[in-house]
Protein backbone atom coordinates (compact mmCIF):
# COMPACT_ATOMS: atom_id res chain seq x y z
CA MET A 1 0.00 0.00 0.00
CA ASN A 2 2.94 2.36 0.60
CA LYS A 3 4.01 1.74 -3.00
CA ILE A 4 0.61 2.89 -4.23
CA ARG A 5 0.82 6.07 -2.12
CA GLN A 6 4.30 6.80 -3.53
CA VAL A 7 3.03 6.32 -7.09
CA LEU A 8 0.20 8.81 -6.46
CA ARG A 9 2.52 11.39 -4.85
CA CYS A 10 5.01 11.18 -7.75
CA TYR A 11 2.16 11.52 -10.23
CA ALA A 12 0.80 14.54 -8.39
CA SER A 13 4.28 16.18 -8.51
CA GLY A 14 4.26 15.91 -12.33
CA SER A 15 6.36 12.80 -12.92
CA GLY A 16 5.50 10.57 -15.86
CA THR A 17 4.87 6.81 -15.81
CA LYS A 18 8.36 6.02 -17.14
CA SER A 19 10.02 8.18 -14.49
CA ILE A 20 7.81 6.73 -11.70
CA SER A 21 8.60 3.20 -12.88
CA SER A 22 12.33 3.91 -12.75
CA MET A 23 12.28 5.63 -9.35
CA LEU A 24 10.12 3.01 -7.58
CA ASN A 25 11.51 -0.02 -9.42
CA MET A 26 8.07 -1.06 -10.71
CA SER A 27 6.84 -2.09 -14.11
CA ARG A 28 5.23 0.66 -16.23
CA ASN A 29 2.08 -1.46 -16.68
CA THR A 30 1.63 -1.69 -12.90
CA VAL A 31 2.06 2.08 -12.57
CA LYS A 32 -0.45 2.65 -15.36
CA LYS A 33 -2.93 0.28 -13.68
CA TYR A 34 -2.74 2.12 -10.35
CA LEU A 35 -3.14 5.54 -12.03
CA HIS A 36 -6.06 4.26 -14.06
CA LEU A 37 -7.86 2.98 -10.92
CA TYR A 38 -7.13 6.30 -9.14
CA GLN A 39 -8.61 8.34 -11.97
CA LYS A 40 -11.57 5.97 -12.19
CA SER A 41 -12.34 6.32 -8.46
CA GLY A 42 -13.13 10.07 -8.78
CA LEU A 43 -11.47 10.78 -5.43
CA SER A 44 -8.98 13.58 -4.78
CA LEU A 45 -5.37 12.83 -3.90
CA SER A 46 -5.83 13.89 -0.27
CA GLU A 47 -8.89 11.64 0.05
CA VAL A 48 -7.05 8.63 -1.34
CA LEU A 49 -3.95 9.23 0.81
CA SER A 50 -6.11 9.50 3.94
CA LEU A 51 -7.54 5.97 3.44
CA ASP A 52 -6.23 3.18 5.68
CA ASP A 53 -4.46 0.18 4.18
CA SER A 54 -7.58 -1.99 4.10
CA SER A 55 -9.68 0.60 2.28
CA LEU A 56 -6.85 1.41 -0.10
CA TYR A 57 -6.41 -2.29 -0.90
CA SER A 58 -10.13 -2.60 -1.54
CA LEU A 59 -10.02 0.37 -3.87
CA PHE A 60 -7.04 -0.75 -5.95
CA GLN A 61 -7.25 -4.55 -5.84
CA GLU A 62 -10.59 -6.03 -4.88
CA LYS A 63 -12.67 -4.18 -7.42
CA ASN A 64 -10.40 -5.36 -10.20
CA GLN A 65 -10.58 -8.88 -8.87
CA ALA A 66 -14.34 -8.63 -8.35
CA CYS A 67 -14.76 -7.75 -12.00
CA ASP A 68 -12.85 -10.89 -12.90
CA ASN A 69 -14.94 -12.93 -10.46
CA GLN A 70 -18.12 -11.79 -12.15
CA SER A 71 -16.93 -12.73 -15.65
CA PRO A 72 -18.74 -15.66 -17.38
CA ARG A 73 -15.56 -17.70 -17.94
CA TYR A 74 -14.67 -17.41 -14.24
CA GLN A 75 -18.12 -18.61 -13.20
CA GLU A 76 -17.90 -21.45 -15.71
CA LEU A 77 -14.48 -22.56 -14.41
CA GLN A 78 -15.74 -22.49 -10.82
CA SER A 79 -18.58 -24.83 -11.74
CA LEU A 80 -16.06 -27.31 -13.20
CA LEU A 81 -13.58 -27.27 -10.30
CA PRO A 82 -15.52 -29.60 -7.88
CA ASP A 83 -15.51 -32.36 -10.50
CA TYR A 84 -11.86 -31.72 -11.36
CA ALA A 85 -10.89 -31.90 -7.66
CA LYS A 86 -12.73 -35.21 -7.29
CA ARG A 87 -11.10 -36.71 -10.37
CA LEU A 88 -7.65 -35.51 -9.29
CA LYS A 89 -7.78 -38.07 -6.44
CA LYS A 90 -7.90 -40.95 -8.92
CA LYS A 91 -4.70 -42.77 -9.74
CA GLY A 92 -2.94 -41.45 -12.86
CA VAL A 93 -4.91 -38.19 -13.13
CA THR A 94 -2.77 -35.03 -13.15
CA ARG A 95 -3.50 -31.29 -13.18
CA GLN A 96 -1.93 -31.03 -16.62
CA GLN A 97 -4.41 -33.55 -18.03
CA LEU A 98 -7.31 -31.67 -16.45
CA PHE A 99 -6.08 -28.39 -17.97
CA TRP A 100 -5.80 -29.98 -21.43
CA GLU A 101 -9.38 -31.21 -21.10
CA TYR A 102 -10.53 -27.74 -19.99
CA GLN A 103 -8.70 -26.14 -22.93
CA ARG A 104 -10.31 -28.50 -25.44
CA THR A 105 -13.83 -27.87 -24.19
CA HIS A 106 -13.29 -24.16 -23.46
CA PRO A 107 -10.92 -22.69 -26.08
CA ASP A 108 -11.72 -19.13 -24.89
CA GLY A 109 -11.03 -20.01 -21.27
CA TYR A 110 -8.11 -19.20 -19.03
CA ALA A 111 -4.47 -19.99 -19.82
CA ARG A 112 -2.42 -22.57 -17.91
CA SER A 113 -1.13 -20.18 -15.24
CA ARG A 114 -4.49 -18.65 -14.32
CA PHE A 115 -6.20 -22.07 -14.43
CA GLY A 116 -3.64 -23.41 -11.98
CA THR A 117 -4.02 -20.42 -9.65
CA TYR A 118 -7.81 -20.77 -9.42
CA PHE A 119 -7.60 -24.57 -9.10
CA GLN A 120 -5.08 -24.33 -6.24
CA ALA A 121 -7.18 -21.68 -4.49
CA TYR A 122 -10.24 -23.95 -4.71
CA LEU A 123 -8.33 -26.94 -3.29
CA ALA A 124 -6.97 -24.85 -0.41
CA LEU A 125 -10.46 -23.62 0.53
CA SER A 126 -12.12 -27.03 0.20
CA HIS A 127 -9.38 -28.93 2.11
CA PRO A 128 -7.92 -26.60 4.72
CA MET A 129 -5.07 -28.05 6.81
CA ALA A 130 -5.10 -27.77 10.57
CA ARG A 131 -1.88 -27.02 12.43
CA LEU A 132 -1.40 -29.58 15.18
CA GLU A 133 0.11 -28.61 18.52
CA HIS A 134 1.96 -31.62 19.95
CA LYS A 135 2.07 -31.87 23.73
CA ALA A 136 5.04 -33.40 25.51
CA GLY A 137 4.55 -37.10 26.24
CA ASP A 138 1.22 -37.16 24.42
CA LYS A 139 1.78 -39.38 21.37
CA MET A 140 4.24 -41.71 19.68
CA PHE A 141 3.90 -42.03 15.90
CA ILE A 142 5.03 -45.33 14.35
CA ASP A 143 5.46 -46.53 10.77
CA TYR A 144 7.60 -48.70 8.49
CA ALA A 145 10.02 -47.21 5.98
CA GLY A 146 9.10 -47.81 2.35
CA ASP A 147 12.67 -48.74 1.36
CA LYS A 148 13.95 -51.91 3.02
CA LEU A 149 17.43 -52.82 4.21
CA SER A 150 18.89 -56.33 3.83
CA ILE A 151 21.00 -58.99 5.48
CA ILE A 152 22.90 -61.90 3.93
CA ASP A 153 22.16 -65.52 4.82
CA HIS A 154 25.40 -67.07 6.13
CA GLU A 155 24.73 -70.53 4.68
CA THR A 156 23.20 -69.80 1.29
CA GLY A 157 24.49 -66.29 0.58
CA GLU A 158 20.92 -65.21 -0.20
CA ILE A 159 20.09 -61.53 0.31
CA LEU A 160 17.12 -61.24 2.69
CA PRO A 161 15.16 -57.97 2.74
CA VAL A 162 14.22 -56.70 6.19
CA GLU A 163 11.68 -54.11 7.31
CA VAL A 164 12.72 -50.88 9.02
CA PHE A 165 10.51 -49.75 11.92
CA VAL A 166 10.43 -46.02 12.76
CA ALA A 167 8.98 -44.30 15.84
CA ILE A 168 9.02 -40.61 16.71
CA LEU A 169 7.84 -38.43 19.60
CA PRO A 170 6.30 -35.40 17.84
CA CYS A 171 7.07 -32.85 20.56
CA SER A 172 10.84 -33.41 20.78
CA GLN A 173 11.14 -35.30 17.46
CA LEU A 174 13.35 -37.92 19.17
CA THR A 175 13.44 -40.84 16.74
CA TYR A 176 13.84 -44.59 17.16
CA VAL A 177 14.76 -46.96 14.31
CA GLU A 178 15.08 -50.76 14.29
CA ALA A 179 15.29 -53.44 11.60
CA VAL A 180 12.92 -56.41 11.93
CA MET A 181 12.35 -59.43 9.73
CA SER A 182 8.73 -58.69 8.82
CA GLN A 183 5.63 -56.63 9.53
CA ARG A 184 3.99 -59.56 11.28
CA LYS A 185 2.32 -59.04 14.64
CA GLU A 186 5.16 -60.60 16.65
CA ASP A 187 7.85 -58.41 15.05
CA PHE A 188 5.66 -55.32 15.16
CA ILE A 189 4.89 -55.60 18.88
CA HIS A 190 8.55 -56.37 19.63
CA ALA A 191 9.63 -53.20 17.80
CA CYS A 192 7.02 -51.06 19.58
CA GLU A 193 8.18 -52.39 22.95
CA ALA A 194 11.81 -51.72 22.00
CA ALA A 195 10.84 -48.11 21.18
CA LEU A 196 9.26 -47.66 24.63
CA LEU A 197 12.39 -49.10 26.26
CA PHE A 198 14.50 -46.70 24.19
CA TYR A 199 12.44 -43.73 25.39
CA GLU A 200 12.44 -45.16 28.95
CA GLY A 201 8.80 -44.17 29.30
CA THR A 202 5.38 -44.42 27.71
CA PRO A 203 3.31 -41.85 25.78
CA ALA A 204 -0.39 -41.36 26.41
CA ALA A 205 -1.22 -42.74 22.94
CA ILE A 206 0.37 -44.70 20.11
CA VAL A 207 -0.55 -43.67 16.56
CA PRO A 208 0.02 -46.53 14.07
CA ASP A 209 -0.78 -46.89 10.43
CA ASN A 210 -3.64 -49.23 9.45
CA LEU A 211 -1.46 -52.31 9.01
CA LYS A 212 -2.96 -55.70 9.93
CA ALA A 213 -0.68 -56.17 12.93
CA ALA A 214 -2.26 -53.10 14.59
CA VAL A 215 -5.75 -52.73 13.06
CA THR A 216 -8.01 -55.66 12.23
CA LYS A 217 -10.74 -53.57 10.60
CA PRO A 218 -10.01 -49.95 9.57
CA SER A 219 -12.75 -47.37 10.00
CA ARG A 220 -13.04 -43.66 9.46
CA TYR A 221 -14.58 -43.24 12.91
CA GLU A 222 -13.65 -46.17 15.18
CA ALA A 223 -11.21 -48.79 13.94
CA GLU A 224 -11.22 -52.35 15.29
CA LEU A 225 -7.82 -53.01 16.86
CA ASN A 226 -5.84 -56.21 16.71
CA GLU A 227 -6.50 -57.91 20.05
CA ASP A 228 -2.84 -58.68 20.74
CA PHE A 229 -1.69 -55.15 19.93
CA ALA A 230 -4.50 -53.76 22.09
CA ALA A 231 -3.33 -56.05 24.92
CA PHE A 232 0.24 -54.75 24.45
CA ALA A 233 -0.94 -51.12 24.66
CA GLU A 234 -3.04 -51.93 27.74
CA HIS A 235 -0.03 -53.61 29.38
CA TYR A 236 1.95 -50.37 29.05
CA GLY A 237 -0.99 -48.06 29.78
CA CYS A 238 -1.21 -46.50 26.30
CA ALA A 239 -4.23 -45.71 24.15
CA VAL A 240 -4.16 -46.60 20.44
CA ILE A 241 -5.33 -43.99 17.91
CA PRO A 242 -4.91 -45.34 14.35
CA ALA A 243 -4.36 -42.78 11.59
CA ARG A 244 -7.21 -42.37 9.14
CA VAL A 245 -7.05 -44.48 6.01
CA ARG A 246 -5.25 -42.69 3.17
CA LYS A 247 -4.60 -39.61 5.34
CA PRO A 248 -0.81 -39.31 5.55
CA ARG A 249 -1.14 -35.87 7.13
CA ASP A 250 -2.37 -37.59 10.30
CA LYS A 251 1.17 -38.90 10.78
CA ALA A 252 3.12 -36.38 8.74
CA LEU A 253 5.91 -36.23 11.32
CA VAL A 254 6.76 -39.92 11.07
CA GLU A 255 6.50 -39.72 7.27
CA GLY A 256 9.03 -36.89 7.44
CA ALA A 257 11.19 -38.87 9.87
CA VAL A 258 11.34 -41.74 7.38
CA LYS A 259 12.68 -39.35 4.73
CA LEU A 260 15.26 -38.02 7.18
CA ILE A 261 16.59 -41.46 8.12
CA TYR A 262 17.11 -42.21 4.43
CA ARG A 263 19.70 -39.41 4.48
CA SER A 264 21.08 -39.76 8.00
CA ILE A 265 21.09 -43.56 8.45
CA TYR A 266 20.69 -45.36 5.12
CA THR A 267 23.58 -43.46 3.54
CA LYS A 268 25.90 -44.54 6.39
CA LEU A 269 25.02 -48.21 5.80
CA GLU A 270 25.69 -48.22 2.06
CA ASP A 271 28.27 -50.74 0.79
CA ARG A 272 28.29 -52.53 4.16
CA GLU A 273 27.34 -56.20 4.56
CA PHE A 274 25.42 -57.59 7.53
CA TYR A 275 24.79 -61.26 8.25
CA ASP A 276 22.22 -60.99 11.04
CA LEU A 277 19.71 -58.55 12.47
CA HIS A 278 21.77 -57.90 15.59
CA SER A 279 24.79 -56.55 13.73
CA LEU A 280 22.56 -54.48 11.44
CA ASN A 281 20.73 -52.95 14.41
CA VAL A 282 24.02 -52.14 16.15
CA ALA A 283 25.08 -50.15 13.08
CA ILE A 284 21.65 -48.49 12.91
CA ARG A 285 21.87 -47.49 16.58
CA VAL A 286 25.24 -45.77 16.06
CA ALA A 287 23.88 -43.74 13.13
CA LEU A 288 20.66 -43.07 15.06
CA GLU A 289 22.54 -41.51 17.96
CA LEU A 290 24.30 -39.15 15.56
CA HIS A 291 20.93 -38.27 14.03
CA ASN A 292 19.27 -37.56 17.39
CA ASN A 293 22.22 -35.56 18.71
CA ALA A 294 22.66 -33.39 15.60
CA LEU A 295 21.37 -29.80 15.85
CA LEU A 296 17.96 -29.26 14.30
CA SER A 297 17.97 -27.11 11.18
CA GLY A 298 18.16 -23.43 12.11
CA ARG A 299 18.12 -24.12 15.85
CA THR A 300 20.65 -24.32 18.64
CA TYR A 301 19.48 -27.61 20.17
CA SER A 302 19.17 -31.27 19.12
CA ARG A 303 16.32 -33.77 19.33
CA ARG A 304 17.95 -35.46 22.31
CA GLU A 305 18.40 -32.17 24.18
CA GLN A 306 14.82 -31.16 23.49
CA PHE A 307 13.59 -34.57 24.73
CA GLU A 308 15.58 -34.32 27.96
CA GLU A 309 14.38 -30.77 28.60
CA LEU A 310 10.73 -30.96 27.58
CA GLU A 311 9.49 -34.49 27.25
CA ARG A 312 11.26 -36.99 29.52
CA ASP A 313 9.43 -35.87 32.68
CA CYS A 314 6.09 -35.97 30.83
CA MET A 315 6.42 -39.60 29.76
CA GLY A 316 4.40 -42.19 31.68
CA PRO A 317 6.10 -44.83 33.87
CA LEU A 318 7.37 -47.92 32.07
CA ASN A 319 5.86 -51.23 33.23
CA PRO A 320 8.78 -53.17 34.80
CA ILE A 321 7.29 -56.46 33.55
CA ARG A 322 8.00 -57.09 29.89
CA PHE A 323 4.99 -57.85 27.71
CA GLU A 324 4.66 -61.50 26.75
CA LEU A 325 2.72 -62.13 23.57
CA LYS A 326 0.02 -64.73 24.11
CA GLN A 327 -0.80 -67.35 21.51
CA ARG A 328 -4.43 -68.21 20.84
CA HIS A 329 -6.14 -71.55 20.42
CA THR A 330 -9.80 -72.52 20.17
CA ALA A 331 -10.89 -75.90 21.56
CA THR A 332 -14.06 -77.76 22.51
CA VAL A 333 -14.40 -79.04 26.07
CA GLN A 334 -14.34 -82.84 25.93
CA LYS A 335 -16.85 -85.12 27.67
CA ASN A 336 -14.43 -85.66 30.54
CA GLY A 337 -14.28 -81.89 31.20
CA TYR A 338 -10.79 -81.32 29.77
CA VAL A 339 -9.44 -79.28 26.84
CA ARG A 340 -6.36 -80.25 24.89
CA LEU A 341 -3.45 -77.89 24.23
CA GLU A 342 -0.40 -79.31 22.44
CA ARG A 343 -0.78 -82.89 23.74
CA HIS A 344 -1.56 -81.86 27.31
CA TYR A 345 -4.99 -81.70 28.94
CA TYR A 346 -6.36 -79.02 31.30
CA SER A 347 -9.63 -79.19 33.21
CA VAL A 348 -12.42 -76.62 33.12
CA PRO A 349 -15.62 -76.55 35.21
CA TYR A 350 -17.65 -79.58 34.07
CA ARG A 351 -20.72 -77.44 33.29
CA TYR A 352 -18.89 -76.22 30.15
CA ILE A 353 -18.65 -79.71 28.62
CA GLY A 354 -19.32 -79.43 24.87
CA LYS A 355 -18.70 -75.65 24.77
CA LYS A 356 -16.06 -73.91 22.65
CA VAL A 357 -13.44 -72.03 24.67
CA ASN A 358 -10.55 -69.71 23.82
CA ILE A 359 -7.13 -70.60 25.21
CA LEU A 360 -4.52 -67.85 25.61
CA TYR A 361 -1.14 -69.28 26.44
CA THR A 362 2.53 -68.42 26.75
CA GLY A 363 5.56 -70.52 27.59
CA THR A 364 4.66 -70.34 31.28
CA THR A 365 0.90 -69.75 31.64
CA VAL A 366 -2.41 -71.04 30.26
CA ASP A 367 -5.64 -69.02 30.57
CA ILE A 368 -8.98 -70.43 29.39
CA TYR A 369 -11.87 -68.11 28.47
CA ILE A 370 -15.45 -68.46 27.35
CA LYS A 371 -17.07 -65.29 26.01
CA TYR A 372 -14.31 -63.12 27.57
CA GLU A 373 -14.84 -64.71 31.02
CA LYS A 374 -11.79 -66.45 32.46
CA ILE A 375 -12.89 -69.89 33.70
CA ALA A 376 -9.49 -71.49 34.41
CA SER A 377 -5.85 -70.54 34.80
CA TYR A 378 -2.81 -72.81 35.03
CA ALA A 379 0.96 -72.84 35.01
CA ARG A 380 1.99 -74.27 31.63
CA ASN A 381 2.65 -78.04 31.70
CA HIS A 382 4.54 -79.54 28.74
CA LYS A 383 4.19 -83.21 29.78
CA PRO A 384 2.83 -85.14 26.74
CA TYR A 385 -0.63 -86.63 27.35
CA GLY A 386 -0.63 -85.52 30.96
CA TYR A 387 -3.65 -84.17 32.85
CA THR A 388 -3.70 -81.01 34.94
CA TYR A 389 -6.87 -80.31 36.91
CA GLN A 390 -8.42 -78.35 39.74
CA GLU A 391 -10.56 -80.24 42.25
CA GLU A 392 -13.48 -77.82 42.04
CA HIS A 393 -13.73 -78.30 38.26
CA LEU A 394 -14.66 -81.99 38.53
CA ALA A 395 -18.13 -83.51 38.91
CA SER A 396 -18.77 -85.61 42.02
CA SER A 397 -18.32 -88.85 40.05
CA GLN A 398 -14.97 -87.62 38.74
CA ARG A 399 -13.76 -86.57 42.19
CA VAL A 400 -14.15 -90.13 43.48
CA LEU A 401 -11.78 -91.34 40.77
CA THR A 402 -9.21 -88.65 41.49
CA ASP A 403 -9.33 -89.59 45.21
CA TRP A 404 -8.22 -93.14 44.45
CA ASN A 405 -4.63 -93.86 45.50
CA PRO A 406 -2.72 -96.76 47.10
CA GLU A 407 -2.71 -95.19 50.57
CA LYS A 408 -6.47 -94.77 50.53
CA PHE A 409 -7.12 -98.44 49.71
CA LEU A 410 -4.54 -99.70 52.22
CA ARG A 411 -6.06 -97.58 55.00
CA GLU A 412 -9.54 -98.91 54.23
CA ALA A 413 -8.28 -102.51 54.11
CA ALA A 414 -6.38 -102.11 57.40
CA SER A 415 -9.58 -100.93 59.09
CA ILE A 416 -11.08 -104.33 58.19
CA HIS A 417 -8.13 -106.61 59.07
CA GLY A 418 -4.39 -106.89 58.65
CA ASP A 419 -4.79 -109.90 56.32
CA VAL A 420 -7.02 -107.83 54.02
CA GLU A 421 -4.44 -105.00 54.06
CA ASN A 422 -1.68 -107.45 53.15
CA TYR A 423 -3.81 -108.88 50.34
CA ILE A 424 -4.60 -105.44 48.90
CA ARG A 425 -0.89 -104.54 49.01
CA HIS A 426 -0.10 -107.64 46.93
CA VAL A 427 -2.87 -106.73 44.45
CA ILE A 428 -1.34 -103.27 43.95
CA GLU A 429 2.21 -104.58 43.66
CA ALA A 430 1.17 -107.21 41.12
CA LYS A 431 0.25 -104.54 38.55
CA PRO A 432 2.87 -102.63 36.47
CA HIS A 433 1.15 -99.34 37.35
CA PRO A 434 -0.77 -98.71 40.61
CA GLU A 435 -3.73 -97.16 38.76
CA GLN A 436 -4.34 -100.50 37.01
CA ALA A 437 -5.16 -102.08 40.41
CA TYR A 438 -7.50 -99.33 41.66
CA LYS A 439 -10.70 -100.86 40.28
CA SER A 440 -9.72 -104.33 41.54
CA CYS A 441 -9.09 -102.91 45.02
CA ARG A 442 -12.39 -101.04 44.96
CA GLY A 443 -14.24 -104.20 43.94
CA ILE A 444 -12.53 -106.40 46.56
CA LEU A 445 -13.19 -103.97 49.42
CA SER A 446 -16.83 -103.56 48.34
CA PHE A 447 -17.43 -107.20 49.39
CA ALA A 448 -17.19 -106.07 53.04
CA SER A 449 -20.55 -104.36 52.72
CA ARG A 450 -22.07 -107.22 50.72
CA VAL A 451 -20.96 -110.36 52.61
CA GLY A 452 -19.45 -108.95 55.78
CA ASN A 453 -15.92 -108.40 57.05
CA LYS A 454 -15.44 -111.98 58.33
CA ARG A 455 -16.12 -113.68 55.00
CA LEU A 456 -13.92 -111.13 53.16
CA ILE A 457 -11.06 -111.81 55.62
CA ASN A 458 -11.34 -115.55 55.07
CA ALA A 459 -11.57 -115.11 51.29
CA CYS A 460 -8.37 -113.03 51.30
CA ARG A 461 -6.65 -115.74 53.34
CA TRP A 462 -7.80 -118.46 50.90
CA ALA A 463 -6.66 -116.45 47.84
CA SER A 464 -3.30 -115.63 49.48
CA SER A 465 -2.67 -119.28 50.19
CA SER A 466 -3.05 -119.98 46.48
CA GLY A 467 -1.07 -116.93 45.39
CA LEU A 468 -4.05 -115.40 43.55
CA TYR A 469 -4.12 -111.61 43.92
CA ASN A 470 -7.04 -110.28 41.87
CA TYR A 471 -10.73 -109.55 42.02
CA PRO A 472 -11.95 -112.70 40.16
CA ALA A 473 -10.20 -114.98 42.71
CA ILE A 474 -12.01 -113.36 45.67
CA GLU A 475 -15.31 -113.36 43.77
CA LYS A 476 -15.03 -117.12 42.97
CA ILE A 477 -14.11 -118.06 46.56
CA LEU A 478 -17.10 -116.15 47.95
CA LYS A 479 -19.45 -117.51 45.29
CA ASN A 480 -18.45 -121.12 46.02
CA ARG A 481 -18.55 -120.38 49.77
CA GLN A 482 -15.06 -121.79 49.97
CA ASP A 483 -14.26 -119.15 52.60
CA GLU A 484 -16.53 -121.02 55.07
CA LEU A 485 -14.28 -124.12 55.02
CA PRO A 486 -11.43 -124.37 57.53
CA LEU A 487 -8.32 -123.20 55.69
CA GLU A 488 -5.80 -125.53 57.54
CA GLU A 489 -7.73 -128.80 56.93
CA SER A 490 -8.35 -128.01 53.31
CA ILE A 491 -4.69 -127.33 52.68
CA GLU A 492 -3.56 -130.54 54.46
CA SER A 493 -6.01 -132.73 52.52
CA ALA A 494 -4.94 -131.10 49.30
CA GLU A 495 -1.27 -131.81 50.11
CA GLN A 496 -2.03 -135.49 50.87
CA GLN A 497 -3.79 -135.94 47.51
CA MET A 498 -1.21 -133.97 45.55
CA PRO A 499 1.62 -136.07 44.03
CA THR A 500 5.23 -135.03 44.49
CA HIS A 501 6.83 -133.60 41.30
CA GLU A 502 9.51 -131.04 40.57
CA ASN A 503 7.11 -128.97 38.44
CA ILE A 504 4.51 -128.72 41.22
CA ARG A 505 4.95 -125.71 43.55
CA GLY A 506 3.81 -125.94 47.14
CA LYS A 507 2.30 -123.25 49.35
CA GLU A 508 5.77 -122.18 50.50
CA TYR A 509 6.40 -120.73 46.99
CA TYR A 510 3.80 -118.01 47.62
CA ASN A 511 5.04 -116.93 51.07
């Protein structure tokens, strides 16, 4: 506006347009335009010079622009711009192509420069950008670099591409970089945890891209998070706020950080060979420290210094217990009230027999859920085909079986008579595994309630004398009422009738 006032003063003093142009270093056409608008306004020089900047601008600029805005070709272009802006989003469509189309259909329309100016102005008004203020300790942006690094397989010499994980705290711009084998959930969560350990604290929220390891179902309003990643964030007390789909501005800082590490880290790793992730990450960490400790452009402090001053104290406390990723398995509760996990069986409350349950397990723990309700929890047992149970999970009929043990049967037999206890001990010892004798012991001891203790004692004596230690022997003796015969007389008569032979064993063999 001061330039316009100077033009008018020089004109009033009698200077010509060429002289004014030379003195004020302006083009003659611009001088002529200002003088033309002054003469057209009908105002005196003193009246024009007394106007404030806003009124002067309106007098010399807006009217000229308003005339252009009212022209038919301007109105026609404005009606086309919404469709052009929509088509510009499609893959392969450029502004140059849209201008060529406009020129073909409107040969009397604007030239390339003016078309571009109006198109850009429309885009700016229809898609205004908000400036984000990043609070200390508020967010951590994470992403993967588009360009991968590589390691060499020791055995085959094959070059294996590896992903490069990038995290940044937007307030201090402190950056973390790590190479991982893939973008799978396990590697992704490991890299996120390594970033938190690097920062020695936790932000209020983590902002990931919409990759499968973080987001199961993207949404413009409320995305569905991957359950394991959500559990990781919960473990460290962080919220998860996924960036909007196809909205790179939501995480512009990490996008910019990726470009910076191409220059500050990738260039330092060129022409170097790495044979494992560890050695590659050691080299990355060295270059990363240089990157974080370098002064920011045009400033007197580095990312690390800014983090220590502004952000470290604002970070949340780091959970001292490392996150352990849980594996998932779905199983149906068997008829015996157990579920199988990798050749081992765990009990659940018997009322869930036939139901499908979710098993979350690690190397040390097993948690069993049904509809998000935990119904059982165990220490992990790796014994093949073993059974781990809790007493309260079993039905009453199952608890009887679990109560069976050698001591129980021996105590019950001893309460009847010492001979019965001795017989039961021989029954248990005769089997390769004690559990094989449990049913026989239960059946033998049940005769006490059916025929009485006395007959059972005698039957055990008769069976012992013959060296027969099993349920059928006792059953046959009681059925034939052999237990009612005197044991001594029967044995003596049997010995008198029995011939002497080296293959015939006497009663002494069984003592």
